[in-house]
Amino acid sequence: MGSISISRRGPSRTCLKKAFPGKTLARLRQLKAKYDPGGLFNSNFPIPPASEEAAA
């Protein structure tokens, strides 16, 4: 298994897709939109929330 490097600006879209393949990233973004819409948990490996349209 390879490693993933994260810059100070956060992970890139490609990096997120490698770390969370398939529907996993979409599900994590939905959870982020539901449970952390304000972005309180945003360190280490921040995942942007899904838009409200996608989360519905």
N, C-alpha and C. Protein backbone atom coordinates (compact mmCIF):
# COMPACT_ATOMS: atom_id res chain seq x y z
N MET A 1 0.84 -1.16 0.00
CA MET A 1 0.00 0.00 0.00
C MET A 1 0.89 1.23 0.00
N GLY A 2 0.57 2.22 -0.85
CA GLY A 2 1.36 3.43 -0.94
C GLY A 2 1.02 4.43 0.14
N SER A 3 1.74 5.53 0.14
CA SER A 3 1.47 6.57 1.12
C SER A 3 0.90 7.79 0.43
N ILE A 4 0.29 8.66 1.22
CA ILE A 4 -0.31 9.87 0.69
C ILE A 4 0.29 11.04 1.44
N SER A 5 0.77 12.04 0.70
CA SER A 5 1.36 13.22 1.30
C SER A 5 0.36 14.36 1.24
N ILE A 6 0.23 15.09 2.34
CA ILE A 6 -0.70 16.19 2.41
C ILE A 6 0.08 17.48 2.62
N SER A 7 -0.17 18.49 1.79
CA SER A 7 0.52 19.76 1.94
C SER A 7 -0.16 20.60 3.02
N ARG A 8 0.42 21.72 3.34
CA ARG A 8 -0.16 22.60 4.36
C ARG A 8 -1.49 23.19 3.89
N ARG A 9 -1.71 23.22 2.59
CA ARG A 9 -2.97 23.74 2.06
C ARG A 9 -4.08 22.70 2.10
N GLY A 10 -3.77 21.52 2.55
CA GLY A 10 -4.76 20.45 2.60
C GLY A 10 -4.61 19.51 1.42
N PRO A 11 -5.33 18.42 1.45
CA PRO A 11 -5.21 17.42 0.39
C PRO A 11 -5.86 17.91 -0.90
N SER A 12 -5.27 17.51 -2.01
CA SER A 12 -5.85 17.84 -3.30
C SER A 12 -7.00 16.89 -3.60
N ARG A 13 -7.78 17.22 -4.60
CA ARG A 13 -8.89 16.36 -5.00
C ARG A 13 -8.39 14.96 -5.38
N THR A 14 -7.28 14.90 -6.09
CA THR A 14 -6.71 13.62 -6.49
C THR A 14 -6.30 12.81 -5.27
N CYS A 15 -5.70 13.49 -4.30
CA CYS A 15 -5.26 12.84 -3.07
C CYS A 15 -6.47 12.27 -2.32
N LEU A 16 -7.54 13.05 -2.24
CA LEU A 16 -8.75 12.58 -1.55
C LEU A 16 -9.33 11.36 -2.25
N LYS A 17 -9.33 11.37 -3.58
CA LYS A 17 -9.89 10.24 -4.33
C LYS A 17 -9.04 8.99 -4.15
N LYS A 18 -7.73 9.17 -3.99
CA LYS A 18 -6.86 8.01 -3.73
C LYS A 18 -7.09 7.45 -2.34
N ALA A 19 -7.24 8.36 -1.38
CA ALA A 19 -7.41 7.93 0.02
C ALA A 19 -8.78 7.32 0.27
N PHE A 20 -9.79 7.85 -0.42
CA PHE A 20 -11.17 7.39 -0.21
C PHE A 20 -11.80 7.06 -1.57
N PRO A 21 -11.51 5.88 -2.11
CA PRO A 21 -11.97 5.52 -3.45
C PRO A 21 -13.47 5.24 -3.53
N GLY A 22 -13.97 5.27 -4.76
CA GLY A 22 -15.35 4.90 -5.03
C GLY A 22 -16.34 5.83 -4.36
N LYS A 23 -17.37 5.26 -3.80
CA LYS A 23 -18.44 6.03 -3.17
C LYS A 23 -18.08 6.49 -1.76
N THR A 24 -16.93 6.07 -1.27
CA THR A 24 -16.52 6.40 0.10
C THR A 24 -16.40 7.90 0.31
N LEU A 25 -15.74 8.61 -0.61
CA LEU A 25 -15.56 10.05 -0.47
C LEU A 25 -16.90 10.77 -0.53
N ALA A 26 -17.77 10.37 -1.41
CA ALA A 26 -19.09 10.99 -1.51
C ALA A 26 -19.85 10.82 -0.19
N ARG A 27 -19.78 9.65 0.39
CA ARG A 27 -20.46 9.38 1.66
C ARG A 27 -19.85 10.22 2.79
N LEU A 28 -18.53 10.32 2.84
CA LEU A 28 -17.87 11.13 3.86
C LEU A 28 -18.27 12.60 3.72
N ARG A 29 -18.37 13.08 2.49
CA ARG A 29 -18.77 14.47 2.26
C ARG A 29 -20.21 14.71 2.69
N GLN A 30 -21.07 13.73 2.50
CA GLN A 30 -22.46 13.85 2.95
C GLN A 30 -22.51 13.92 4.47
N LEU A 31 -21.74 13.06 5.12
CA LEU A 31 -21.68 13.06 6.58
C LEU A 31 -21.12 14.38 7.10
N LYS A 32 -20.10 14.89 6.43
CA LYS A 32 -19.50 16.17 6.81
C LYS A 32 -20.54 17.29 6.72
N ALA A 33 -21.32 17.31 5.65
CA ALA A 33 -22.34 18.34 5.48
C ALA A 33 -23.41 18.24 6.57
N LYS A 34 -23.73 17.03 6.98
CA LYS A 34 -24.78 16.82 7.98
C LYS A 34 -24.29 17.12 9.39
N TYR A 35 -23.13 16.59 9.76
CA TYR A 35 -22.67 16.65 11.14
C TYR A 35 -21.64 17.74 11.43
N ASP A 36 -21.00 18.30 10.41
CA ASP A 36 -19.99 19.33 10.63
C ASP A 36 -20.06 20.39 9.53
N PRO A 37 -21.22 21.01 9.34
CA PRO A 37 -21.36 21.99 8.27
C PRO A 37 -20.50 23.24 8.48
N GLY A 38 -20.16 23.54 9.73
CA GLY A 38 -19.33 24.71 10.02
C GLY A 38 -17.84 24.46 9.89
N GLY A 39 -17.44 23.22 9.68
CA GLY A 39 -16.03 22.90 9.49
C GLY A 39 -15.19 22.90 10.75
N LEU A 40 -15.80 22.55 11.89
CA LEU A 40 -15.06 22.50 13.15
C LEU A 40 -13.92 21.48 13.08
N PHE A 41 -14.19 20.32 12.50
CA PHE A 41 -13.18 19.27 12.37
C PHE A 41 -12.51 19.41 11.00
N ASN A 42 -11.43 20.19 10.96
CA ASN A 42 -10.81 20.50 9.67
C ASN A 42 -9.30 20.31 9.66
N SER A 43 -8.75 19.62 10.64
CA SER A 43 -7.30 19.42 10.66
C SER A 43 -6.94 18.01 10.19
N ASN A 44 -5.69 17.81 9.94
CA ASN A 44 -5.10 16.54 9.51
C ASN A 44 -5.49 16.16 8.08
N PHE A 45 -6.71 15.82 7.84
CA PHE A 45 -7.13 15.39 6.50
C PHE A 45 -8.53 15.95 6.24
N PRO A 46 -8.64 17.28 6.05
CA PRO A 46 -9.95 17.90 5.89
C PRO A 46 -10.68 17.44 4.63
N ILE A 47 -11.93 17.14 4.80
CA ILE A 47 -12.79 16.72 3.70
C ILE A 47 -13.84 17.80 3.52
N PRO A 48 -13.94 18.39 2.33
CA PRO A 48 -14.96 19.42 2.14
C PRO A 48 -16.35 18.80 2.19
N PRO A 49 -17.32 19.51 2.78
CA PRO A 49 -18.68 18.96 2.84
C PRO A 49 -19.32 18.95 1.47
N ALA A 50 -20.25 18.05 1.29
CA ALA A 50 -21.03 18.02 0.06
C ALA A 50 -21.95 19.23 0.04
N SER A 51 -22.33 19.67 -1.13
CA SER A 51 -23.26 20.77 -1.20
C SER A 51 -24.62 20.31 -0.68
N GLU A 52 -25.47 21.23 -0.29
CA GLU A 52 -26.77 20.85 0.23
C GLU A 52 -27.57 20.07 -0.80
N GLU A 53 -27.42 20.42 -2.08
CA GLU A 53 -28.13 19.72 -3.15
C GLU A 53 -27.71 18.25 -3.20
N ALA A 54 -26.41 17.99 -3.08
CA ALA A 54 -25.91 16.62 -3.16
C ALA A 54 -26.23 15.83 -1.91
N ALA A 55 -26.33 16.52 -0.77
CA ALA A 55 -26.59 15.83 0.49
C ALA A 55 -28.07 15.45 0.65
N ALA A 56 -28.93 16.10 -0.09
CA ALA A 56 -30.37 15.84 0.04
C ALA A 56 -30.78 14.54 -0.61
